Amino acid sequence: MFILEAMGFSLPIISTRVGNIPEHISNSEAGVLVDVANIHQLTDAMQKFASDSDYRIASGSLAQKYAKKTFDQEKMLACYDHIYSF
């Protein structure tokens, strides 16, 4: 949930390709995905966000738009209703 919460606050995401995270984060849109235990990819991603404020702000903005579109209240309630109706 913390990634979704961060996206809601317009924060760009750097994450690893684990679980269902890659379904929601795509490189150069809402954030950057790095390979597990790849310190070079992680360092590069962090340096890019730290040094390029336009990129950081744009990525955060796209992350927030994605979160609002994909996880709005009505969609989430419909998903929960579907899960618990079985």
PDB file of N, CA and C in Angstrom:
ATOM      1  N   MET A   1       0.809  -1.201   0.000  1.00  0.00           N
ATOM      2  CA  MET A   1       0.000   0.000   0.000  1.00  0.00           C
ATOM      3  C   MET A   1       0.859   1.276   0.000  1.00  0.00           C
ATOM      4  N   PHE A   2       2.076   1.181   0.522  1.00  0.00           N
ATOM      5  CA  PHE A   2       2.880   2.408   0.615  1.00  0.00           C
ATOM      6  C   PHE A   2       3.220   2.974  -0.751  1.00  0.00           C
ATOM      7  N   ILE A   3       3.359   2.123  -1.757  1.00  0.00           N
ATOM      8  CA  ILE A   3       3.645   2.642  -3.101  1.00  0.00           C
ATOM      9  C   ILE A   3       2.436   3.410  -3.619  1.00  0.00           C
ATOM     10  N   LEU A   4       1.256   2.867  -3.426  1.00  0.00           N
ATOM     11  CA  LEU A   4       0.033   3.561  -3.834  1.00  0.00           C
ATOM     12  C   LEU A   4      -0.112   4.883  -3.085  1.00  0.00           C
ATOM     13  N   GLU A   5       0.175   4.876  -1.792  1.00  0.00           N
ATOM     14  CA  GLU A   5       0.093   6.108  -1.014  1.00  0.00           C
ATOM     15  C   GLU A   5       1.101   7.140  -1.515  1.00  0.00           C
ATOM     16  N   ALA A   6       2.306   6.712  -1.810  1.00  0.00           N
ATOM     17  CA  ALA A   6       3.321   7.632  -2.335  1.00  0.00           C
ATOM     18  C   ALA A   6       2.872   8.212  -3.679  1.00  0.00           C
ATOM     19  N   MET A   7       2.306   7.368  -4.523  1.00  0.00           N
ATOM     20  CA  MET A   7       1.810   7.845  -5.810  1.00  0.00           C
ATOM     21  C   MET A   7       0.728   8.900  -5.601  1.00  0.00           C
ATOM     22  N   GLY A   8      -0.141   8.692  -4.618  1.00  0.00           N
ATOM     23  CA  GLY A   8      -1.197   9.647  -4.319  1.00  0.00           C
ATOM     24  C   GLY A   8      -0.669  11.008  -3.905  1.00  0.00           C
ATOM     25  N   PHE A   9       0.539  11.050  -3.363  1.00  0.00           N
ATOM     26  CA  PHE A   9       1.172  12.307  -2.968  1.00  0.00           C
ATOM     27  C   PHE A   9       2.125  12.835  -4.033  1.00  0.00           C
ATOM     28  N   SER A  10       2.003  12.353  -5.262  1.00  0.00           N
ATOM     29  CA  SER A  10       2.815  12.815  -6.401  1.00  0.00           C
ATOM     30  C   SER A  10       4.292  12.523  -6.242  1.00  0.00           C
ATOM     31  N   LEU A  11       4.614  11.432  -5.567  1.00  0.00           N
ATOM     32  CA  LEU A  11       6.018  11.058  -5.419  1.00  0.00           C
ATOM     33  C   LEU A  11       6.389  10.036  -6.483  1.00  0.00           C
ATOM     34  N   PRO A  12       7.499  10.244  -7.173  1.00  0.00           N
ATOM     35  CA  PRO A  12       7.944   9.249  -8.145  1.00  0.00           C
ATOM     36  C   PRO A  12       8.392   7.993  -7.399  1.00  0.00           C
ATOM     37  N   ILE A  13       8.280   6.874  -8.066  1.00  0.00           N
ATOM     38  CA  ILE A  13       8.546   5.587  -7.430  1.00  0.00           C
ATOM     39  C   ILE A  13       9.800   4.948  -8.007  1.00  0.00           C
ATOM     40  N   ILE A  14      10.619   4.424  -7.123  1.00  0.00           N
ATOM     41  CA  ILE A  14      11.708   3.525  -7.501  1.00  0.00           C
ATOM     42  C   ILE A  14      11.435   2.242  -6.746  1.00  0.00           C
ATOM     43  N   SER A  15      11.284   1.155  -7.476  1.00  0.00           N
ATOM     44  CA  SER A  15      10.966  -0.116  -6.828  1.00  0.00           C
ATOM     45  C   SER A  15      11.618  -1.260  -7.592  1.00  0.00           C
ATOM     46  N   THR A  16      11.599  -2.416  -6.965  1.00  0.00           N
ATOM     47  CA  THR A  16      12.106  -3.615  -7.622  1.00  0.00           C
ATOM     48  C   THR A  16      10.976  -4.329  -8.336  1.00  0.00           C
ATOM     49  N   ARG A  17      11.335  -5.222  -9.224  1.00  0.00           N
ATOM     50  CA  ARG A  17      10.367  -6.005  -9.986  1.00  0.00           C
ATOM     51  C   ARG A  17       9.946  -7.229  -9.161  1.00  0.00           C
ATOM     52  N   VAL A  18       9.123  -7.007  -8.163  1.00  0.00           N
ATOM     53  CA  VAL A  18       8.630  -8.096  -7.325  1.00  0.00           C
ATOM     54  C   VAL A  18       7.120  -7.995  -7.216  1.00  0.00           C
ATOM     55  N   GLY A  19       6.494  -9.115  -6.916  1.00  0.00           N
ATOM     56  CA  GLY A  19       5.042  -9.134  -6.747  1.00  0.00           C
ATOM     57  C   GLY A  19       4.319  -8.552  -7.935  1.00  0.00           C
ATOM     58  N   ASN A  20       3.277  -7.813  -7.635  1.00  0.00           N
ATOM     59  CA  ASN A  20       2.508  -7.196  -8.726  1.00  0.00           C
ATOM     60  C   ASN A  20       2.899  -5.741  -8.976  1.00  0.00           C
ATOM     61  N   ILE A  21       3.982  -5.306  -8.392  1.00  0.00           N
ATOM     62  CA  ILE A  21       4.442  -3.925  -8.586  1.00  0.00           C
ATOM     63  C   ILE A  21       4.673  -3.603 -10.062  1.00  0.00           C
ATOM     64  N   PRO A  22       5.296  -4.482 -10.850  1.00  0.00           N
ATOM     65  CA  PRO A  22       5.494  -4.150 -12.266  1.00  0.00           C
ATOM     66  C   PRO A  22       4.194  -3.909 -13.038  1.00  0.00           C
ATOM     67  N   GLU A  23       3.070  -4.430 -12.538  1.00  0.00           N
ATOM     68  CA  GLU A  23       1.796  -4.180 -13.209  1.00  0.00           C
ATOM     69  C   GLU A  23       1.388  -2.712 -13.098  1.00  0.00           C
ATOM     70  N   HIS A  24       1.904  -2.011 -12.095  1.00  0.00           N
ATOM     71  CA  HIS A  24       1.470  -0.650 -11.833  1.00  0.00           C
ATOM     72  C   HIS A  24       2.548   0.405 -12.061  1.00  0.00           C
ATOM     73  N   ILE A  25       3.766  -0.020 -12.144  1.00  0.00           N
ATOM     74  CA  ILE A  25       4.869   0.918 -12.380  1.00  0.00           C
ATOM     75  C   ILE A  25       5.518   0.541 -13.705  1.00  0.00           C
ATOM     76  N   SER A  26       5.579   1.489 -14.587  1.00  0.00           N
ATOM     77  CA  SER A  26       6.299   1.218 -15.831  1.00  0.00           C
ATOM     78  C   SER A  26       7.390   2.271 -15.977  1.00  0.00           C
ATOM     79  N   ASN A  27       8.532   1.846 -16.404  1.00  0.00           N
ATOM     80  CA  ASN A  27       9.664   2.770 -16.519  1.00  0.00           C
ATOM     81  C   ASN A  27       9.299   3.995 -17.351  1.00  0.00           C
ATOM     82  N   SER A  28       9.768   5.114 -16.900  1.00  0.00           N
ATOM     83  CA  SER A  28       9.612   6.428 -17.530  1.00  0.00           C
ATOM     84  C   SER A  28       8.191   6.975 -17.445  1.00  0.00           C
ATOM     85  N   GLU A  29       7.313   6.335 -16.701  1.00  0.00           N
ATOM     86  CA  GLU A  29       5.976   6.903 -16.502  1.00  0.00           C
ATOM     87  C   GLU A  29       5.779   7.262 -15.037  1.00  0.00           C
ATOM     88  N   ALA A  30       5.321   6.324 -14.241  1.00  0.00           N
ATOM     89  CA  ALA A  30       5.046   6.617 -12.835  1.00  0.00           C
ATOM     90  C   ALA A  30       6.255   6.358 -11.945  1.00  0.00           C
ATOM     91  N   GLY A  31       7.293   5.813 -12.497  1.00  0.00           N
ATOM     92  CA  GLY A  31       8.475   5.518 -11.707  1.00  0.00           C
ATOM     93  C   GLY A  31       9.446   4.644 -12.464  1.00  0.00           C
ATOM     94  N   VAL A  32      10.370   4.084 -11.729  1.00  0.00           N
ATOM     95  CA  VAL A  32      11.433   3.265 -12.319  1.00  0.00           C
ATOM     96  C   VAL A  32      11.483   1.927 -11.600  1.00  0.00           C
ATOM     97  N   LEU A  33      11.588   0.873 -12.370  1.00  0.00           N
ATOM     98  CA  LEU A  33      11.769  -0.462 -11.813  1.00  0.00           C
ATOM     99  C   LEU A  33      13.219  -0.881 -11.959  1.00  0.00           C
ATOM    100  N   VAL A  34      13.757  -1.449 -10.915  1.00  0.00           N
ATOM    101  CA  VAL A  34      15.128  -1.952 -10.951  1.00  0.00           C
ATOM    102  C   VAL A  34      15.117  -3.427 -10.582  1.00  0.00           C
ATOM    103  N   ASP A  35      16.122  -4.131 -11.007  1.00  0.00           N
ATOM    104  CA  ASP A  35      16.255  -5.544 -10.664  1.00  0.00           C
ATOM    105  C   ASP A  35      16.604  -5.695  -9.189  1.00  0.00           C
ATOM    106  N   VAL A  36      16.102  -6.754  -8.596  1.00  0.00           N
ATOM    107  CA  VAL A  36      16.402  -7.037  -7.198  1.00  0.00           C
ATOM    108  C   VAL A  36      17.915  -7.140  -7.017  1.00  0.00           C
ATOM    109  N   ALA A  37      18.431  -6.492  -5.996  1.00  0.00           N
ATOM    110  CA  ALA A  37      19.851  -6.526  -5.616  1.00  0.00           C
ATOM    111  C   ALA A  37      20.787  -5.900  -6.644  1.00  0.00           C
ATOM    112  N   ASN A  38      20.243  -5.097  -7.560  1.00  0.00           N
ATOM    113  CA  ASN A  38      21.094  -4.423  -8.543  1.00  0.00           C
ATOM    114  C   ASN A  38      21.363  -2.994  -8.059  1.00  0.00           C
ATOM    115  N   ILE A  39      22.420  -2.848  -7.321  1.00  0.00           N
ATOM    116  CA  ILE A  39      22.756  -1.565  -6.713  1.00  0.00           C
ATOM    117  C   ILE A  39      23.052  -0.486  -7.754  1.00  0.00           C
ATOM    118  N   HIS A  40      23.571  -0.882  -8.908  1.00  0.00           N
ATOM    119  CA  HIS A  40      23.885   0.095  -9.954  1.00  0.00           C
ATOM    120  C   HIS A  40      22.609   0.692 -10.539  1.00  0.00           C
ATOM    121  N   GLN A  41      21.605  -0.144 -10.806  1.00  0.00           N
ATOM    122  CA  GLN A  41      20.337   0.374 -11.315  1.00  0.00           C
ATOM    123  C   GLN A  41      19.667   1.277 -10.279  1.00  0.00           C
ATOM    124  N   LEU A  42      19.712   0.859  -9.029  1.00  0.00           N
ATOM    125  CA  LEU A  42      19.110   1.659  -7.965  1.00  0.00           C
ATOM    126  C   LEU A  42      19.811   3.008  -7.846  1.00  0.00           C
ATOM    127  N   THR A  43      21.121   2.996  -7.862  1.00  0.00           N
ATOM    128  CA  THR A  43      21.898   4.234  -7.770  1.00  0.00           C
ATOM    129  C   THR A  43      21.605   5.151  -8.949  1.00  0.00           C
ATOM    130  N   ASP A  44      21.570   4.594 -10.149  1.00  0.00           N
ATOM    131  CA  ASP A  44      21.278   5.394 -11.344  1.00  0.00           C
ATOM    132  C   ASP A  44      19.895   6.045 -11.249  1.00  0.00           C
ATOM    133  N   ALA A  45      18.905   5.258 -10.812  1.00  0.00           N
ATOM    134  CA  ALA A  45      17.546   5.786 -10.697  1.00  0.00           C
ATOM    135  C   ALA A  45      17.480   6.910  -9.665  1.00  0.00           C
ATOM    136  N   MET A  46      18.124   6.717  -8.537  1.00  0.00           N
ATOM    137  CA  MET A  46      18.127   7.734  -7.492  1.00  0.00           C
ATOM    138  C   MET A  46      18.834   9.006  -7.961  1.00  0.00           C
ATOM    139  N   GLN A  47      19.960   8.844  -8.648  1.00  0.00           N
ATOM    140  CA  GLN A  47      20.699  10.004  -9.146  1.00  0.00           C
ATOM    141  C   GLN A  47      19.891  10.769 -10.194  1.00  0.00           C
ATOM    142  N   LYS A  48      19.177  10.038 -11.045  1.00  0.00           N
ATOM    143  CA  LYS A  48      18.357  10.689 -12.066  1.00  0.00           C
ATOM    144  C   LYS A  48      17.269  11.546 -11.426  1.00  0.00           C
ATOM    145  N   PHE A  49      16.562  10.994 -10.443  1.00  0.00           N
ATOM    146  CA  PHE A  49      15.525  11.777  -9.762  1.00  0.00           C
ATOM    147  C   PHE A  49      16.119  12.933  -8.976  1.00  0.00           C
ATOM    148  N   ALA A  50      17.255  12.722  -8.342  1.00  0.00           N
ATOM    149  CA  ALA A  50      17.877  13.771  -7.529  1.00  0.00           C
ATOM    150  C   ALA A  50      18.407  14.921  -8.378  1.00  0.00           C
ATOM    151  N   SER A  51      18.883  14.615  -9.569  1.00  0.00           N
ATOM    152  CA  SER A  51      19.531  15.643 -10.381  1.00  0.00           C
ATOM    153  C   SER A  51      18.614  16.317 -11.404  1.00  0.00           C
ATOM    154  N   ASP A  52      17.459  15.751 -11.657  1.00  0.00           N
ATOM    155  CA  ASP A  52      16.581  16.283 -12.701  1.00  0.00           C
ATOM    156  C   ASP A  52      15.197  16.557 -12.109  1.00  0.00           C
ATOM    157  N   SER A  53      15.000  17.763 -11.630  1.00  0.00           N
ATOM    158  CA  SER A  53      13.739  18.085 -10.962  1.00  0.00           C
ATOM    159  C   SER A  53      12.545  18.022 -11.913  1.00  0.00           C
ATOM    160  N   ASP A  54      12.734  18.388 -13.175  1.00  0.00           N
ATOM    161  CA  ASP A  54      11.627  18.294 -14.137  1.00  0.00           C
ATOM    162  C   ASP A  54      11.180  16.846 -14.299  1.00  0.00           C
ATOM    163  N   TYR A  55      12.131  15.951 -14.424  1.00  0.00           N
ATOM    164  CA  TYR A  55      11.836  14.514 -14.547  1.00  0.00           C
ATOM    165  C   TYR A  55      11.148  14.004 -13.285  1.00  0.00           C
ATOM    166  N   ARG A  56      11.660  14.401 -12.128  1.00  0.00           N
ATOM    167  CA  ARG A  56      11.109  13.968 -10.849  1.00  0.00           C
ATOM    168  C   ARG A  56       9.663  14.443 -10.693  1.00  0.00           C
ATOM    169  N   ILE A  57       9.408  15.701 -11.006  1.00  0.00           N
ATOM    170  CA  ILE A  57       8.067  16.266 -10.872  1.00  0.00           C
ATOM    171  C   ILE A  57       7.110  15.637 -11.873  1.00  0.00           C
ATOM    172  N   ALA A  58       7.555  15.463 -13.110  1.00  0.00           N
ATOM    173  CA  ALA A  58       6.700  14.854 -14.134  1.00  0.00           C
ATOM    174  C   ALA A  58       6.360  13.412 -13.774  1.00  0.00           C
ATOM    175  N   SER A  59       7.341  12.678 -13.304  1.00  0.00           N
ATOM    176  CA  SER A  59       7.112  11.290 -12.919  1.00  0.00           C
ATOM    177  C   SER A  59       6.139  11.213 -11.748  1.00  0.00           C
ATOM    178  N   GLY A  60       6.312  12.083 -10.772  1.00  0.00           N
ATOM    179  CA  GLY A  60       5.400  12.115  -9.639  1.00  0.00           C
ATOM    180  C   GLY A  60       3.988  12.476 -10.043  1.00  0.00           C
ATOM    181  N   SER A  61       3.868  13.420 -10.949  1.00  0.00           N
ATOM    182  CA  SER A  61       2.550  13.818 -11.447  1.00  0.00           C
ATOM    183  C   SER A  61       1.861  12.663 -12.175  1.00  0.00           C
ATOM    184  N   LEU A  62       2.616  11.966 -13.020  1.00  0.00           N
ATOM    185  CA  LEU A  62       2.049  10.812 -13.713  1.00  0.00           C
ATOM    186  C   LEU A  62       1.676   9.710 -12.741  1.00  0.00           C
ATOM    187  N   ALA A  63       2.474   9.531 -11.699  1.00  0.00           N
ATOM    188  CA  ALA A  63       2.161   8.521 -10.687  1.00  0.00           C
ATOM    189  C   ALA A  63       0.839   8.857 -10.004  1.00  0.00           C
ATOM    190  N   GLN A  64       0.649  10.125  -9.656  1.00  0.00           N
ATOM    191  CA  GLN A  64      -0.591  10.519  -8.997  1.00  0.00           C
ATOM    192  C   GLN A  64      -1.793  10.338  -9.923  1.00  0.00           C
ATOM    193  N   LYS A  65      -1.672  10.726 -11.164  1.00  0.00           N
ATOM    194  CA  LYS A  65      -2.771  10.554 -12.119  1.00  0.00           C
ATOM    195  C   LYS A  65      -3.119   9.080 -12.272  1.00  0.00           C
ATOM    196  N   TYR A  66      -2.104   8.238 -12.363  1.00  0.00           N
ATOM    197  CA  TYR A  66      -2.339   6.800 -12.487  1.00  0.00           C
ATOM    198  C   TYR A  66      -3.060   6.264 -11.253  1.00  0.00           C
ATOM    199  N   ALA A  67      -2.608   6.647 -10.077  1.00  0.00           N
ATOM    200  CA  ALA A  67      -3.219   6.158  -8.835  1.00  0.00           C
ATOM    201  C   ALA A  67      -4.678   6.595  -8.741  1.00  0.00           C
ATOM    202  N   LYS A  68      -4.951   7.838  -9.060  1.00  0.00           N
ATOM    203  CA  LYS A  68      -6.327   8.334  -8.987  1.00  0.00           C
ATOM    204  C   LYS A  68      -7.226   7.643 -10.006  1.00  0.00           C
ATOM    205  N   LYS A  69      -6.707   7.398 -11.206  1.00  0.00           N
ATOM    206  CA  LYS A  69      -7.491   6.761 -12.250  1.00  0.00           C
ATOM    207  C   LYS A  69      -7.720   5.283 -11.949  1.00  0.00           C
ATOM    208  N   THR A  70      -6.708   4.607 -11.476  1.00  0.00           N
ATOM    209  CA  THR A  70      -6.761   3.159 -11.300  1.00  0.00           C
ATOM    210  C   THR A  70      -7.374   2.746  -9.971  1.00  0.00           C
ATOM    211  N   PHE A  71      -7.178   3.545  -8.947  1.00  0.00           N
ATOM    212  CA  PHE A  71      -7.603   3.147  -7.608  1.00  0.00           C
ATOM    213  C   PHE A  71      -8.591   4.132  -6.995  1.00  0.00           C
ATOM    214  N   ASP A  72      -9.470   4.689  -7.809  1.00  0.00           N
ATOM    215  CA  ASP A  72     -10.438   5.612  -7.230  1.00  0.00           C
ATOM    216  C   ASP A  72     -11.429   4.848  -6.345  1.00  0.00           C
ATOM    217  N   GLN A  73     -12.150   5.576  -5.547  1.00  0.00           N
ATOM    218  CA  GLN A  73     -13.008   4.977  -4.530  1.00  0.00           C
ATOM    219  C   GLN A  73     -14.055   4.035  -5.128  1.00  0.00           C
ATOM    220  N   GLU A  74     -14.702   4.436  -6.187  1.00  0.00           N
ATOM    221  CA  GLU A  74     -15.750   3.593  -6.789  1.00  0.00           C
ATOM    222  C   GLU A  74     -15.178   2.275  -7.313  1.00  0.00           C
ATOM    223  N   LYS A  75     -14.044   2.325  -7.971  1.00  0.00           N
ATOM    224  CA  LYS A  75     -13.428   1.100  -8.492  1.00  0.00           C
ATOM    225  C   LYS A  75     -13.008   0.173  -7.361  1.00  0.00           C
ATOM    226  N   MET A  76     -12.429   0.752  -6.307  1.00  0.00           N
ATOM    227  CA  MET A  76     -11.995  -0.077  -5.180  1.00  0.00           C
ATOM    228  C   MET A  76     -13.185  -0.708  -4.471  1.00  0.00           C
ATOM    229  N   LEU A  77     -14.259   0.047  -4.274  1.00  0.00           N
ATOM    230  CA  LEU A  77     -15.451  -0.512  -3.636  1.00  0.00           C
ATOM    231  C   LEU A  77     -16.043  -1.637  -4.490  1.00  0.00           C
ATOM    232  N   ALA A  78     -16.052  -1.464  -5.796  1.00  0.00           N
ATOM    233  CA  ALA A  78     -16.560  -2.518  -6.684  1.00  0.00           C
ATOM    234  C   ALA A  78     -15.694  -3.769  -6.587  1.00  0.00           C
ATOM    235  N   CYS A  79     -14.378  -3.598  -6.510  1.00  0.00           N
ATOM    236  CA  CYS A  79     -13.475  -4.746  -6.369  1.00  0.00           C
ATOM    237  C   CYS A  79     -13.709  -5.472  -5.047  1.00  0.00           C
ATOM    238  N   TYR A  80     -13.817  -4.710  -3.974  1.00  0.00           N
ATOM    239  CA  TYR A  80     -14.068  -5.332  -2.666  1.00  0.00           C
ATOM    240  C   TYR A  80     -15.418  -6.027  -2.646  1.00  0.00           C
ATOM    241  N   ASP A  81     -16.419  -5.415  -3.251  1.00  0.00           N
ATOM    242  CA  ASP A  81     -17.746  -6.025  -3.316  1.00  0.00           C
ATOM    243  C   ASP A  81     -17.684  -7.346  -4.065  1.00  0.00           C
ATOM    244  N   HIS A  82     -16.938  -7.360  -5.154  1.00  0.00           N
ATOM    245  CA  HIS A  82     -16.802  -8.576  -5.950  1.00  0.00           C
ATOM    246  C   HIS A  82     -16.089  -9.667  -5.146  1.00  0.00           C
ATOM    247  N   ILE A  83     -15.034  -9.296  -4.453  1.00  0.00           N
ATOM    248  CA  ILE A  83     -14.269 -10.279  -3.657  1.00  0.00           C
ATOM    249  C   ILE A  83     -15.133 -10.879  -2.569  1.00  0.00           C
ATOM    250  N   TYR A  84     -15.870 -10.046  -1.844  1.00  0.00           N
ATOM    251  CA  TYR A  84     -16.614 -10.524  -0.695  1.00  0.00           C
ATOM    252  C   TYR A  84     -17.995 -11.057  -1.037  1.00  0.00           C
ATOM    253  N   SER A  85     -18.384 -11.000  -2.287  1.00  0.00           N
ATOM    254  CA  SER A  85     -19.708 -11.509  -2.663  1.00  0.00           C
ATOM    255  C   SER A  85     -19.717 -13.006  -2.950  1.00  0.00           C
ATOM    256  N   PHE A  86     -18.569 -13.647  -2.857  1.00  0.00           N
ATOM    257  CA  PHE A  86     -18.507 -15.097  -3.098  1.00  0.00           C
ATOM    258  C   PHE A  86     -18.795 -15.875  -1.847  1.00  0.00           C
TER     259      PHE A  86
END
